N, C-alpha and C. Protein backbone atom coordinates (compact mmCIF):
# COMPACT_ATOMS: atom_id res chain seq x y z
N ALA A 1 32.29 -1.29 6.99
CA ALA A 1 33.31 -2.16 7.53
C ALA A 1 34.54 -1.33 7.89
N ALA A 2 35.31 -1.81 8.82
CA ALA A 2 36.49 -1.07 9.26
C ALA A 2 37.61 -1.19 8.25
N SER A 3 38.50 -0.21 8.25
CA SER A 3 39.66 -0.24 7.37
C SER A 3 40.57 -1.40 7.74
N ASN A 4 41.26 -1.96 6.69
CA ASN A 4 42.22 -3.05 6.89
C ASN A 4 41.59 -4.28 7.53
N SER A 5 40.36 -4.59 7.13
CA SER A 5 39.67 -5.78 7.66
C SER A 5 39.81 -6.94 6.69
N TRP A 6 39.75 -8.13 7.24
CA TRP A 6 39.74 -9.33 6.41
C TRP A 6 38.32 -9.82 6.30
N PHE A 7 37.87 -10.14 5.08
CA PHE A 7 36.50 -10.58 4.84
C PHE A 7 36.53 -11.98 4.26
N PRO A 8 36.22 -13.02 5.05
CA PRO A 8 36.25 -14.37 4.53
C PRO A 8 35.03 -14.71 3.70
N ALA A 9 34.02 -13.84 3.68
CA ALA A 9 32.80 -14.14 2.96
C ALA A 9 32.99 -14.01 1.45
N ALA A 10 32.00 -14.50 0.70
CA ALA A 10 32.08 -14.49 -0.75
C ALA A 10 31.86 -13.10 -1.33
N ALA A 11 31.29 -12.20 -0.57
CA ALA A 11 31.12 -10.81 -1.01
C ALA A 11 31.58 -9.92 0.13
N ALA A 12 32.38 -8.90 -0.18
CA ALA A 12 32.93 -8.06 0.88
C ALA A 12 32.97 -6.62 0.42
N THR A 13 32.72 -5.72 1.37
CA THR A 13 32.76 -4.29 1.08
C THR A 13 33.45 -3.57 2.21
N ALA A 14 34.41 -2.72 1.87
CA ALA A 14 35.07 -1.85 2.83
C ALA A 14 34.74 -0.43 2.40
N THR A 15 33.84 0.23 3.11
CA THR A 15 33.35 1.52 2.68
C THR A 15 34.15 2.66 3.29
N GLY A 16 34.09 3.81 2.64
CA GLY A 16 34.81 4.98 3.13
C GLY A 16 36.05 5.24 2.30
N ALA A 17 36.41 6.52 2.14
CA ALA A 17 37.52 6.91 1.30
C ALA A 17 38.86 6.39 1.79
N ALA A 18 38.95 6.05 3.09
CA ALA A 18 40.21 5.56 3.65
C ALA A 18 40.15 4.07 3.97
N ALA A 19 39.16 3.37 3.45
CA ALA A 19 38.96 1.96 3.79
C ALA A 19 39.68 1.04 2.81
N ASP A 20 40.59 0.22 3.33
CA ASP A 20 41.27 -0.78 2.52
C ASP A 20 40.62 -2.13 2.74
N LEU A 21 40.69 -2.96 1.70
CA LEU A 21 40.21 -4.33 1.83
C LEU A 21 41.41 -5.25 1.67
N ASN A 22 41.77 -5.94 2.76
CA ASN A 22 42.91 -6.86 2.77
C ASN A 22 42.41 -8.29 2.62
N LEU A 23 42.83 -8.94 1.56
CA LEU A 23 42.46 -10.34 1.32
C LEU A 23 43.64 -11.21 1.71
N GLN A 24 43.47 -11.98 2.80
CA GLN A 24 44.58 -12.73 3.37
C GLN A 24 44.48 -14.23 3.14
N GLN A 25 43.33 -14.69 2.64
CA GLN A 25 43.24 -16.09 2.26
C GLN A 25 42.22 -16.22 1.14
N ALA A 26 42.27 -17.34 0.43
CA ALA A 26 41.42 -17.52 -0.74
C ALA A 26 39.96 -17.61 -0.35
N ILE A 27 39.10 -17.07 -1.21
CA ILE A 27 37.65 -17.20 -1.04
C ILE A 27 37.07 -17.71 -2.34
N SER A 28 35.91 -18.37 -2.25
CA SER A 28 35.32 -18.97 -3.44
C SER A 28 33.81 -18.84 -3.38
N ALA A 29 33.21 -19.02 -4.55
CA ALA A 29 31.76 -18.97 -4.66
C ALA A 29 31.32 -19.94 -5.74
N THR A 30 30.04 -20.25 -5.77
CA THR A 30 29.49 -21.12 -6.80
C THR A 30 28.44 -20.36 -7.59
N GLY A 31 28.02 -20.94 -8.69
CA GLY A 31 27.00 -20.30 -9.50
C GLY A 31 27.59 -19.49 -10.63
N GLY A 32 26.69 -18.93 -11.44
CA GLY A 32 27.13 -18.15 -12.58
C GLY A 32 27.02 -16.66 -12.32
N GLY A 33 27.14 -15.89 -13.40
CA GLY A 33 27.06 -14.44 -13.27
C GLY A 33 28.24 -13.89 -12.50
N THR A 34 28.00 -12.78 -11.82
CA THR A 34 29.03 -12.21 -10.95
C THR A 34 28.87 -12.84 -9.59
N SER A 35 29.58 -13.93 -9.37
CA SER A 35 29.40 -14.70 -8.14
C SER A 35 30.28 -14.20 -7.00
N LEU A 36 31.31 -13.44 -7.32
CA LEU A 36 32.18 -12.85 -6.29
C LEU A 36 32.36 -11.36 -6.59
N GLN A 37 32.12 -10.54 -5.60
CA GLN A 37 32.28 -9.11 -5.79
C GLN A 37 32.85 -8.48 -4.52
N LEU A 38 34.00 -7.81 -4.68
CA LEU A 38 34.66 -7.18 -3.55
C LEU A 38 34.83 -5.70 -3.85
N SER A 39 34.57 -4.86 -2.85
CA SER A 39 34.65 -3.43 -3.05
C SER A 39 35.43 -2.78 -1.93
N ALA A 40 36.49 -2.05 -2.29
CA ALA A 40 37.30 -1.31 -1.32
C ALA A 40 37.10 0.18 -1.56
N GLY A 41 36.85 0.92 -0.48
CA GLY A 41 36.71 2.35 -0.61
C GLY A 41 38.00 3.01 -1.06
N ARG A 42 39.13 2.38 -0.74
CA ARG A 42 40.42 2.92 -1.14
C ARG A 42 41.21 1.84 -1.87
N ASN A 43 41.96 1.03 -1.15
CA ASN A 43 42.88 0.08 -1.79
C ASN A 43 42.45 -1.37 -1.60
N PHE A 44 42.72 -2.16 -2.63
CA PHE A 44 42.56 -3.61 -2.55
C PHE A 44 43.94 -4.23 -2.41
N ILE A 45 44.13 -5.02 -1.35
CA ILE A 45 45.44 -5.61 -1.07
C ILE A 45 45.27 -7.12 -0.97
N ASN A 46 45.81 -7.82 -1.93
CA ASN A 46 45.72 -9.28 -1.99
C ASN A 46 47.05 -9.89 -1.61
N THR A 47 47.09 -10.53 -0.45
CA THR A 47 48.30 -11.24 -0.03
C THR A 47 48.10 -12.75 -0.08
N ALA A 48 46.99 -13.18 -0.70
CA ALA A 48 46.67 -14.61 -0.76
C ALA A 48 47.10 -15.24 -2.08
N GLY A 49 47.61 -14.43 -3.00
CA GLY A 49 48.18 -14.99 -4.22
C GLY A 49 47.24 -15.05 -5.41
N ALA A 50 47.74 -15.67 -6.48
CA ALA A 50 47.04 -15.67 -7.77
C ALA A 50 45.76 -16.48 -7.77
N SER A 51 45.58 -17.36 -6.78
CA SER A 51 44.37 -18.18 -6.70
C SER A 51 43.45 -17.71 -5.60
N ALA A 52 43.56 -16.47 -5.21
CA ALA A 52 42.80 -15.96 -4.07
C ALA A 52 41.30 -15.90 -4.32
N LEU A 53 40.89 -15.75 -5.57
CA LEU A 53 39.46 -15.64 -5.89
C LEU A 53 39.05 -16.76 -6.83
N ASN A 54 38.07 -17.53 -6.41
CA ASN A 54 37.52 -18.61 -7.24
C ASN A 54 36.03 -18.36 -7.37
N ALA A 55 35.63 -17.93 -8.54
CA ALA A 55 34.23 -17.56 -8.77
C ALA A 55 33.39 -18.70 -9.30
N GLY A 56 33.90 -19.92 -9.30
CA GLY A 56 33.15 -21.06 -9.79
C GLY A 56 32.83 -20.91 -11.26
N ALA A 57 31.55 -21.08 -11.62
CA ALA A 57 31.12 -20.94 -13.00
C ALA A 57 30.88 -19.49 -13.38
N GLY A 58 31.01 -18.59 -12.41
CA GLY A 58 30.77 -17.18 -12.67
C GLY A 58 32.06 -16.40 -12.82
N ARG A 59 32.02 -15.16 -12.41
CA ARG A 59 33.19 -14.30 -12.49
C ARG A 59 33.32 -13.50 -11.20
N TRP A 60 34.51 -12.92 -10.99
CA TRP A 60 34.70 -12.02 -9.85
C TRP A 60 34.97 -10.62 -10.35
N LEU A 61 34.56 -9.64 -9.54
CA LEU A 61 34.84 -8.23 -9.79
C LEU A 61 35.43 -7.63 -8.52
N VAL A 62 36.48 -6.84 -8.69
CA VAL A 62 37.10 -6.14 -7.56
C VAL A 62 37.08 -4.64 -7.85
N TRP A 63 36.48 -3.89 -6.93
CA TRP A 63 36.36 -2.44 -7.07
C TRP A 63 37.31 -1.76 -6.07
N SER A 64 38.02 -0.73 -6.54
CA SER A 64 38.88 0.04 -5.64
C SER A 64 39.12 1.41 -6.27
N SER A 65 40.09 2.15 -5.73
CA SER A 65 40.26 3.53 -6.19
C SER A 65 41.30 3.71 -7.29
N ASN A 66 42.46 3.07 -7.15
CA ASN A 66 43.56 3.36 -8.08
C ASN A 66 44.50 2.17 -8.13
N PRO A 67 44.81 1.65 -9.33
CA PRO A 67 45.70 0.49 -9.42
C PRO A 67 47.10 0.76 -8.90
N ALA A 68 47.50 2.03 -8.88
CA ALA A 68 48.84 2.37 -8.41
C ALA A 68 49.04 2.01 -6.95
N ASN A 69 47.96 1.95 -6.19
CA ASN A 69 48.05 1.69 -4.75
C ASN A 69 47.57 0.31 -4.37
N ASP A 70 47.14 -0.47 -5.33
CA ASP A 70 46.62 -1.82 -5.05
C ASP A 70 47.73 -2.86 -5.11
N THR A 71 47.42 -4.02 -4.54
CA THR A 71 48.25 -5.21 -4.70
C THR A 71 47.36 -6.30 -5.26
N ARG A 72 47.47 -6.55 -6.57
CA ARG A 72 46.59 -7.55 -7.18
C ARG A 72 47.04 -8.97 -6.86
N GLY A 73 48.28 -9.14 -6.49
CA GLY A 73 48.75 -10.44 -6.05
C GLY A 73 48.74 -11.52 -7.11
N GLY A 74 48.85 -11.12 -8.37
CA GLY A 74 48.90 -12.11 -9.43
C GLY A 74 47.55 -12.57 -9.95
N LEU A 75 46.46 -11.98 -9.49
CA LEU A 75 45.14 -12.35 -10.00
C LEU A 75 45.04 -12.03 -11.48
N ALA A 76 44.65 -13.02 -12.26
CA ALA A 76 44.50 -12.84 -13.70
C ALA A 76 43.14 -12.24 -14.00
N TYR A 77 43.11 -11.22 -14.84
CA TYR A 77 41.85 -10.54 -15.12
C TYR A 77 41.64 -10.39 -16.62
N GLY A 78 40.37 -10.23 -16.99
CA GLY A 78 40.03 -10.09 -18.40
C GLY A 78 39.82 -8.66 -18.83
N PHE A 79 39.55 -7.76 -17.86
CA PHE A 79 39.37 -6.36 -18.21
C PHE A 79 39.60 -5.47 -17.01
N LYS A 80 39.84 -4.19 -17.30
CA LYS A 80 39.88 -3.13 -16.30
C LYS A 80 38.93 -2.04 -16.75
N HIS A 81 38.34 -1.37 -15.77
CA HIS A 81 37.38 -0.31 -16.08
C HIS A 81 37.67 0.87 -15.17
N TYR A 82 38.11 2.00 -15.77
CA TYR A 82 38.37 3.22 -15.00
C TYR A 82 37.11 4.09 -14.95
N GLY A 83 37.10 4.99 -13.99
CA GLY A 83 35.95 5.88 -13.84
C GLY A 83 34.71 5.13 -13.40
N ALA A 84 34.89 4.07 -12.63
CA ALA A 84 33.77 3.22 -12.22
C ALA A 84 33.53 3.32 -10.71
N THR A 85 32.29 3.52 -10.33
CA THR A 85 31.91 3.65 -8.93
C THR A 85 31.03 2.47 -8.53
N TYR A 86 31.42 1.81 -7.44
CA TYR A 86 30.68 0.63 -6.98
C TYR A 86 29.24 1.02 -6.64
N GLY A 87 28.30 0.23 -7.12
CA GLY A 87 26.90 0.48 -6.85
C GLY A 87 26.26 1.47 -7.80
N VAL A 88 27.07 2.09 -8.65
CA VAL A 88 26.56 3.10 -9.59
C VAL A 88 26.85 2.71 -11.03
N THR A 89 28.09 2.35 -11.30
CA THR A 89 28.54 2.08 -12.66
C THR A 89 28.28 0.64 -13.06
N THR A 90 27.74 0.46 -14.24
CA THR A 90 27.60 -0.89 -14.80
C THR A 90 28.93 -1.27 -15.44
N PRO A 91 29.50 -2.41 -15.08
CA PRO A 91 30.79 -2.80 -15.67
C PRO A 91 30.72 -2.79 -17.19
N ALA A 92 31.79 -2.28 -17.81
CA ALA A 92 31.81 -2.15 -19.27
C ALA A 92 31.75 -3.49 -19.96
N GLN A 93 32.21 -4.52 -19.30
CA GLN A 93 32.27 -5.85 -19.91
C GLN A 93 31.36 -6.79 -19.12
N ALA A 94 30.50 -7.50 -19.83
CA ALA A 94 29.49 -8.33 -19.18
C ALA A 94 30.02 -9.67 -18.70
N THR A 95 31.17 -10.07 -19.23
CA THR A 95 31.76 -11.36 -18.84
C THR A 95 33.22 -11.17 -18.49
N GLY A 96 33.78 -12.15 -17.81
CA GLY A 96 35.20 -12.13 -17.48
C GLY A 96 35.47 -11.44 -16.16
N ASN A 97 36.55 -11.85 -15.51
CA ASN A 97 36.98 -11.24 -14.26
C ASN A 97 37.49 -9.83 -14.52
N GLY A 98 37.24 -8.93 -13.56
CA GLY A 98 37.65 -7.57 -13.82
C GLY A 98 37.98 -6.76 -12.59
N PHE A 99 38.87 -5.78 -12.79
CA PHE A 99 39.17 -4.76 -11.78
C PHE A 99 38.54 -3.45 -12.22
N LEU A 100 37.87 -2.79 -11.28
CA LEU A 100 37.20 -1.53 -11.59
C LEU A 100 37.70 -0.46 -10.62
N TYR A 101 38.03 0.71 -11.16
CA TYR A 101 38.67 1.77 -10.38
C TYR A 101 37.93 3.10 -10.54
N THR A 102 37.90 3.86 -9.46
CA THR A 102 37.26 5.17 -9.54
C THR A 102 38.14 6.20 -10.25
N VAL A 103 39.44 6.00 -10.27
CA VAL A 103 40.33 6.94 -10.94
C VAL A 103 39.95 7.05 -12.42
N SER A 104 40.00 8.27 -12.94
CA SER A 104 39.63 8.53 -14.34
C SER A 104 40.81 9.14 -15.08
N PRO A 105 41.69 8.34 -15.64
CA PRO A 105 42.88 8.88 -16.30
C PRO A 105 42.54 9.62 -17.59
N SER A 106 43.24 10.75 -17.79
CA SER A 106 43.05 11.57 -18.98
C SER A 106 44.29 11.48 -19.87
N LEU A 107 44.08 11.28 -21.14
CA LEU A 107 45.17 11.14 -22.10
C LEU A 107 45.37 12.43 -22.89
N THR A 108 46.61 12.68 -23.25
CA THR A 108 46.94 13.83 -24.09
C THR A 108 47.57 13.33 -25.39
N ALA A 109 46.94 13.68 -26.51
CA ALA A 109 47.50 13.32 -27.82
C ALA A 109 48.52 14.38 -28.22
N THR A 110 49.59 13.95 -28.88
CA THR A 110 50.64 14.86 -29.32
C THR A 110 50.89 14.68 -30.81
N LEU A 111 51.43 15.73 -31.43
CA LEU A 111 51.75 15.71 -32.85
C LEU A 111 53.21 16.10 -33.03
N ALA A 112 53.96 15.26 -33.71
CA ALA A 112 55.38 15.54 -33.96
C ALA A 112 55.50 16.63 -35.02
N SER A 113 56.68 17.23 -35.11
CA SER A 113 56.91 18.29 -36.09
C SER A 113 56.82 17.72 -37.51
N ILE A 114 56.30 18.51 -38.39
CA ILE A 114 56.12 18.14 -39.79
C ILE A 114 57.00 19.03 -40.66
N SER A 115 57.62 18.44 -41.66
CA SER A 115 58.44 19.23 -42.60
C SER A 115 58.14 18.78 -44.02
N ARG A 116 57.87 19.73 -44.87
CA ARG A 116 57.65 19.41 -46.28
C ARG A 116 58.11 20.59 -47.14
N THR A 117 58.17 20.34 -48.44
CA THR A 117 58.58 21.37 -49.39
C THR A 117 57.39 22.24 -49.79
N TYR A 118 57.67 23.50 -50.01
CA TYR A 118 56.64 24.46 -50.42
C TYR A 118 55.90 23.97 -51.67
N ASP A 119 54.54 24.01 -51.61
CA ASP A 119 53.75 23.64 -52.79
C ASP A 119 52.60 24.60 -53.03
N GLY A 120 52.61 25.73 -52.30
CA GLY A 120 51.58 26.73 -52.53
C GLY A 120 50.29 26.48 -51.77
N THR A 121 50.25 25.42 -50.92
CA THR A 121 49.05 25.13 -50.15
C THR A 121 49.40 25.07 -48.65
N THR A 122 48.38 24.96 -47.81
CA THR A 122 48.60 24.79 -46.37
C THR A 122 48.43 23.34 -45.94
N ALA A 123 48.31 22.43 -46.88
CA ALA A 123 48.04 21.02 -46.56
C ALA A 123 49.24 20.35 -45.90
N ALA A 124 48.96 19.53 -44.91
CA ALA A 124 49.99 18.72 -44.25
C ALA A 124 49.54 17.26 -44.28
N THR A 125 50.31 16.41 -44.89
CA THR A 125 49.99 14.98 -44.95
C THR A 125 50.49 14.30 -43.68
N LEU A 126 49.61 13.56 -43.02
CA LEU A 126 49.94 12.94 -41.74
C LEU A 126 49.73 11.43 -41.79
N SER A 127 50.39 10.74 -40.86
CA SER A 127 50.18 9.30 -40.67
C SER A 127 50.19 9.02 -39.18
N GLY A 128 49.86 7.82 -38.82
CA GLY A 128 49.83 7.45 -37.41
C GLY A 128 51.16 7.65 -36.72
N ALA A 129 52.25 7.54 -37.49
CA ALA A 129 53.59 7.70 -36.92
C ALA A 129 53.85 9.12 -36.44
N ASN A 130 53.07 10.09 -36.91
CA ASN A 130 53.25 11.48 -36.50
C ASN A 130 52.63 11.78 -35.14
N PHE A 131 51.84 10.86 -34.61
CA PHE A 131 51.10 11.11 -33.38
C PHE A 131 51.64 10.29 -32.22
N GLY A 132 51.47 10.81 -31.03
CA GLY A 132 51.82 10.10 -29.81
C GLY A 132 50.73 10.32 -28.78
N VAL A 133 50.85 9.64 -27.66
CA VAL A 133 49.86 9.78 -26.60
C VAL A 133 50.55 9.60 -25.26
N SER A 134 50.13 10.35 -24.26
CA SER A 134 50.69 10.24 -22.91
C SER A 134 49.56 10.26 -21.90
N GLY A 135 49.88 9.82 -20.68
CA GLY A 135 48.88 9.80 -19.62
C GLY A 135 48.40 8.42 -19.25
N GLN A 136 48.92 7.39 -19.91
CA GLN A 136 48.52 6.02 -19.57
C GLN A 136 49.00 5.68 -18.16
N ILE A 137 48.26 4.82 -17.49
CA ILE A 137 48.64 4.35 -16.16
C ILE A 137 48.68 2.83 -16.12
N ASP A 138 49.29 2.29 -15.10
CA ASP A 138 49.27 0.85 -14.80
C ASP A 138 49.80 -0.01 -15.95
N GLY A 139 50.73 0.54 -16.75
CA GLY A 139 51.31 -0.26 -17.83
C GLY A 139 50.40 -0.49 -19.01
N ASP A 140 49.33 0.26 -19.14
CA ASP A 140 48.39 0.08 -20.24
C ASP A 140 48.98 0.56 -21.56
N THR A 141 48.50 -0.01 -22.64
CA THR A 141 48.86 0.41 -23.99
C THR A 141 47.64 1.01 -24.66
N VAL A 142 47.79 2.23 -25.18
CA VAL A 142 46.68 2.92 -25.84
C VAL A 142 47.06 3.21 -27.28
N THR A 143 46.16 2.93 -28.20
CA THR A 143 46.35 3.28 -29.61
C THR A 143 45.29 4.31 -30.00
N LEU A 144 45.63 5.12 -30.99
CA LEU A 144 44.75 6.20 -31.42
C LEU A 144 44.26 6.00 -32.84
N ASN A 145 43.06 6.51 -33.09
CA ASN A 145 42.61 6.75 -34.46
C ASN A 145 43.05 8.17 -34.80
N THR A 146 43.77 8.33 -35.90
CA THR A 146 44.35 9.63 -36.21
C THR A 146 43.96 10.08 -37.61
N PRO A 147 43.86 11.39 -37.83
CA PRO A 147 43.54 11.91 -39.16
C PRO A 147 44.73 11.75 -40.11
N THR A 148 44.45 11.76 -41.41
CA THR A 148 45.51 11.61 -42.41
C THR A 148 45.95 12.96 -42.97
N SER A 149 45.35 14.03 -42.48
CA SER A 149 45.75 15.34 -42.97
C SER A 149 45.61 16.38 -41.88
N GLY A 150 46.40 17.44 -42.00
CA GLY A 150 46.34 18.58 -41.09
C GLY A 150 46.52 19.85 -41.89
N THR A 151 46.72 20.96 -41.18
CA THR A 151 46.81 22.26 -41.84
C THR A 151 47.95 23.09 -41.27
N PHE A 152 48.80 23.61 -42.15
CA PHE A 152 49.80 24.59 -41.75
C PHE A 152 49.12 25.94 -41.51
N ASP A 153 49.72 26.75 -40.65
CA ASP A 153 49.13 28.06 -40.37
C ASP A 153 49.14 28.97 -41.59
N THR A 154 50.17 28.88 -42.43
CA THR A 154 50.21 29.62 -43.71
C THR A 154 50.86 28.73 -44.75
N LYS A 155 50.76 29.13 -46.00
CA LYS A 155 51.37 28.35 -47.08
C LYS A 155 52.83 28.71 -47.30
N ASP A 156 53.32 29.76 -46.62
CA ASP A 156 54.65 30.28 -46.89
C ASP A 156 55.75 29.39 -46.29
N ALA A 157 56.91 29.41 -46.93
CA ALA A 157 58.07 28.68 -46.42
C ALA A 157 58.55 29.33 -45.13
N GLY A 158 59.11 28.51 -44.23
CA GLY A 158 59.62 29.04 -42.97
C GLY A 158 59.69 27.97 -41.91
N THR A 159 60.26 28.32 -40.77
CA THR A 159 60.36 27.42 -39.63
C THR A 159 59.48 27.93 -38.49
N GLY A 160 59.34 27.12 -37.46
CA GLY A 160 58.50 27.51 -36.33
C GLY A 160 57.05 27.66 -36.71
N LYS A 161 56.63 26.89 -37.67
CA LYS A 161 55.26 26.97 -38.15
C LYS A 161 54.35 26.03 -37.37
N THR A 162 53.07 26.34 -37.31
CA THR A 162 52.09 25.54 -36.58
C THR A 162 51.31 24.65 -37.53
N VAL A 163 51.26 23.37 -37.20
CA VAL A 163 50.41 22.42 -37.91
C VAL A 163 49.32 21.97 -36.95
N SER A 164 48.08 22.03 -37.38
CA SER A 164 46.94 21.63 -36.55
C SER A 164 46.23 20.45 -37.19
N ALA A 165 45.70 19.59 -36.36
CA ALA A 165 44.93 18.44 -36.85
C ALA A 165 43.77 18.19 -35.90
N ALA A 166 42.65 17.74 -36.44
CA ALA A 166 41.45 17.49 -35.63
C ALA A 166 40.97 16.06 -35.85
N GLY A 167 40.15 15.59 -34.93
CA GLY A 167 39.54 14.27 -35.09
C GLY A 167 40.31 13.12 -34.50
N VAL A 168 41.24 13.39 -33.59
CA VAL A 168 41.96 12.30 -32.91
C VAL A 168 41.01 11.62 -31.93
N ALA A 169 41.09 10.31 -31.84
CA ALA A 169 40.21 9.56 -30.94
C ALA A 169 40.95 8.33 -30.42
N ILE A 170 40.47 7.77 -29.33
CA ILE A 170 41.04 6.54 -28.78
C ILE A 170 40.52 5.36 -29.59
N ALA A 171 41.43 4.56 -30.13
CA ALA A 171 41.05 3.37 -30.88
C ALA A 171 40.89 2.17 -29.96
N SER A 172 41.85 1.98 -29.05
CA SER A 172 41.79 0.85 -28.13
C SER A 172 42.73 1.07 -26.96
N ALA A 173 42.45 0.37 -25.89
CA ALA A 173 43.33 0.37 -24.72
C ALA A 173 43.39 -1.06 -24.20
N THR A 174 44.60 -1.54 -23.96
CA THR A 174 44.78 -2.92 -23.52
C THR A 174 45.88 -3.00 -22.47
N ASN A 175 45.92 -4.13 -21.79
CA ASN A 175 47.01 -4.44 -20.88
C ASN A 175 47.26 -5.93 -21.00
N GLY A 176 48.26 -6.30 -21.78
CA GLY A 176 48.43 -7.71 -22.11
C GLY A 176 47.22 -8.17 -22.91
N GLY A 177 46.58 -9.23 -22.46
CA GLY A 177 45.39 -9.73 -23.13
C GLY A 177 44.10 -9.14 -22.62
N ALA A 178 44.18 -8.21 -21.68
CA ALA A 178 42.99 -7.62 -21.08
C ALA A 178 42.59 -6.34 -21.79
N THR A 179 41.28 -6.14 -21.92
CA THR A 179 40.76 -4.89 -22.48
C THR A 179 40.63 -3.87 -21.37
N VAL A 180 40.94 -2.62 -21.68
CA VAL A 180 40.87 -1.54 -20.70
C VAL A 180 39.84 -0.52 -21.16
N TYR A 181 38.94 -0.16 -20.25
CA TYR A 181 37.89 0.80 -20.56
C TYR A 181 38.03 2.04 -19.66
N GLY A 182 37.47 3.15 -20.14
CA GLY A 182 37.35 4.33 -19.28
C GLY A 182 38.36 5.43 -19.49
N TYR A 183 39.33 5.25 -20.36
CA TYR A 183 40.25 6.35 -20.65
C TYR A 183 39.49 7.48 -21.36
N GLN A 184 39.87 8.71 -21.05
CA GLN A 184 39.30 9.87 -21.71
C GLN A 184 40.43 10.64 -22.40
N LEU A 185 40.13 11.21 -23.56
CA LEU A 185 41.09 12.03 -24.29
C LEU A 185 40.81 13.49 -23.97
N ALA A 186 41.84 14.20 -23.48
CA ALA A 186 41.65 15.58 -23.07
C ALA A 186 41.15 16.45 -24.21
N SER A 187 41.61 16.22 -25.42
CA SER A 187 41.16 16.98 -26.59
C SER A 187 41.35 16.14 -27.84
N SER A 188 40.44 16.29 -28.78
CA SER A 188 40.56 15.60 -30.06
C SER A 188 41.35 16.42 -31.07
N ASN A 189 41.76 17.61 -30.66
CA ASN A 189 42.56 18.49 -31.52
C ASN A 189 44.00 18.55 -31.02
N VAL A 190 44.94 18.52 -31.95
CA VAL A 190 46.36 18.58 -31.59
C VAL A 190 47.06 19.60 -32.49
N ALA A 191 48.21 20.08 -32.03
CA ALA A 191 48.98 21.04 -32.82
C ALA A 191 50.45 20.89 -32.50
N ASN A 192 51.28 21.23 -33.47
CA ASN A 192 52.72 21.28 -33.28
C ASN A 192 53.21 22.64 -33.77
N THR A 193 54.01 23.32 -32.97
CA THR A 193 54.44 24.68 -33.30
C THR A 193 55.89 24.76 -33.78
N SER A 194 56.50 23.63 -34.09
CA SER A 194 57.90 23.64 -34.55
C SER A 194 58.05 22.98 -35.91
N SER A 195 57.01 23.05 -36.72
CA SER A 195 57.04 22.46 -38.05
C SER A 195 57.66 23.44 -39.06
N SER A 196 57.86 22.97 -40.29
CA SER A 196 58.54 23.83 -41.26
C SER A 196 58.11 23.50 -42.69
N ILE A 197 58.20 24.51 -43.52
CA ILE A 197 58.06 24.35 -44.97
C ILE A 197 59.34 24.88 -45.60
N THR A 198 60.01 24.04 -46.36
CA THR A 198 61.26 24.46 -47.01
C THR A 198 60.95 25.01 -48.40
N SER A 199 61.80 25.91 -48.84
CA SER A 199 61.60 26.54 -50.15
C SER A 199 61.74 25.51 -51.26
N ALA A 200 60.90 25.66 -52.26
CA ALA A 200 60.99 24.78 -53.42
C ALA A 200 62.12 25.23 -54.34
N ALA A 201 62.75 24.29 -55.01
CA ALA A 201 63.80 24.62 -55.97
C ALA A 201 63.20 25.36 -57.16
N LEU A 202 63.85 26.40 -57.59
CA LEU A 202 63.37 27.19 -58.72
C LEU A 202 64.13 26.78 -59.99
N THR A 203 63.41 26.40 -61.00
CA THR A 203 64.01 25.99 -62.27
C THR A 203 63.74 27.06 -63.32
N VAL A 204 64.80 27.56 -63.93
CA VAL A 204 64.68 28.57 -64.98
C VAL A 204 65.00 27.93 -66.32
N THR A 205 64.08 28.07 -67.25
CA THR A 205 64.27 27.50 -68.59
C THR A 205 64.26 28.63 -69.62
N ALA A 206 65.31 28.71 -70.45
CA ALA A 206 65.38 29.77 -71.48
C ALA A 206 64.54 29.38 -72.68
N ASN A 207 63.86 30.36 -73.24
CA ASN A 207 63.10 30.13 -74.47
C ASN A 207 64.04 30.11 -75.66
N ASN A 208 63.88 29.15 -76.55
CA ASN A 208 64.68 29.11 -77.77
C ASN A 208 64.24 30.24 -78.71
N ALA A 209 65.21 30.95 -79.23
CA ALA A 209 64.89 32.04 -80.18
C ALA A 209 65.97 32.10 -81.27
N THR A 210 65.61 32.42 -82.46
CA THR A 210 66.57 32.51 -83.58
C THR A 210 66.34 33.82 -84.34
N ARG A 211 67.44 34.30 -84.94
CA ARG A 211 67.35 35.47 -85.82
C ARG A 211 68.48 35.39 -86.83
N THR A 212 68.40 36.14 -87.87
CA THR A 212 69.44 36.14 -88.92
C THR A 212 70.58 37.03 -88.48
N TYR A 213 71.80 36.54 -88.63
CA TYR A 213 72.98 37.31 -88.23
C TYR A 213 73.03 38.64 -88.96
N GLY A 214 73.26 39.70 -88.18
CA GLY A 214 73.39 41.00 -88.76
C GLY A 214 72.06 41.71 -88.95
N ALA A 215 70.96 41.01 -88.67
CA ALA A 215 69.66 41.64 -88.86
C ALA A 215 69.34 42.58 -87.74
């Protein structure tokens, strides 16, 4: 199909890397399953509003390249799926309306600086608050599964120390009430190079001793 075409039918495809699919009036379908499916080689542009797609007893799916360039026009959806190719990828969610995109966003986990008192070990106690994540797109919220411990490079007191942690993973990704699939984590290992171990206080205790005067 040509770029920037209007498709009044219940199923529409605009093929090619530069092909946009412009939806200018509402379309509807009957039946169950995936009763409406639209695929844009590049951008999906909905100027028909929040009621533009009526899938009857079924659901609708819209495939395109990147949400940053789309106009969803207020269409309410139950899920998004990144890294999805029309005709190749099986939608991650079997029910509910969904947007599927070929873009594959990569997330980077980060670790904040850690500071503790010297205890003779390289152990670093961690919590979820010590970790962050970047690389989300389209207003999505991503939460991580994070380890509860890490390792200092040495046990010695000092600043500019490296703390490393392994086993970071994506716990969930959402956008409002919608589930988001397809995010990838660039690495499950994280490190911070500005952590510190402070010197422990030294307590000196004198031994009690007695002797006879003049002895």
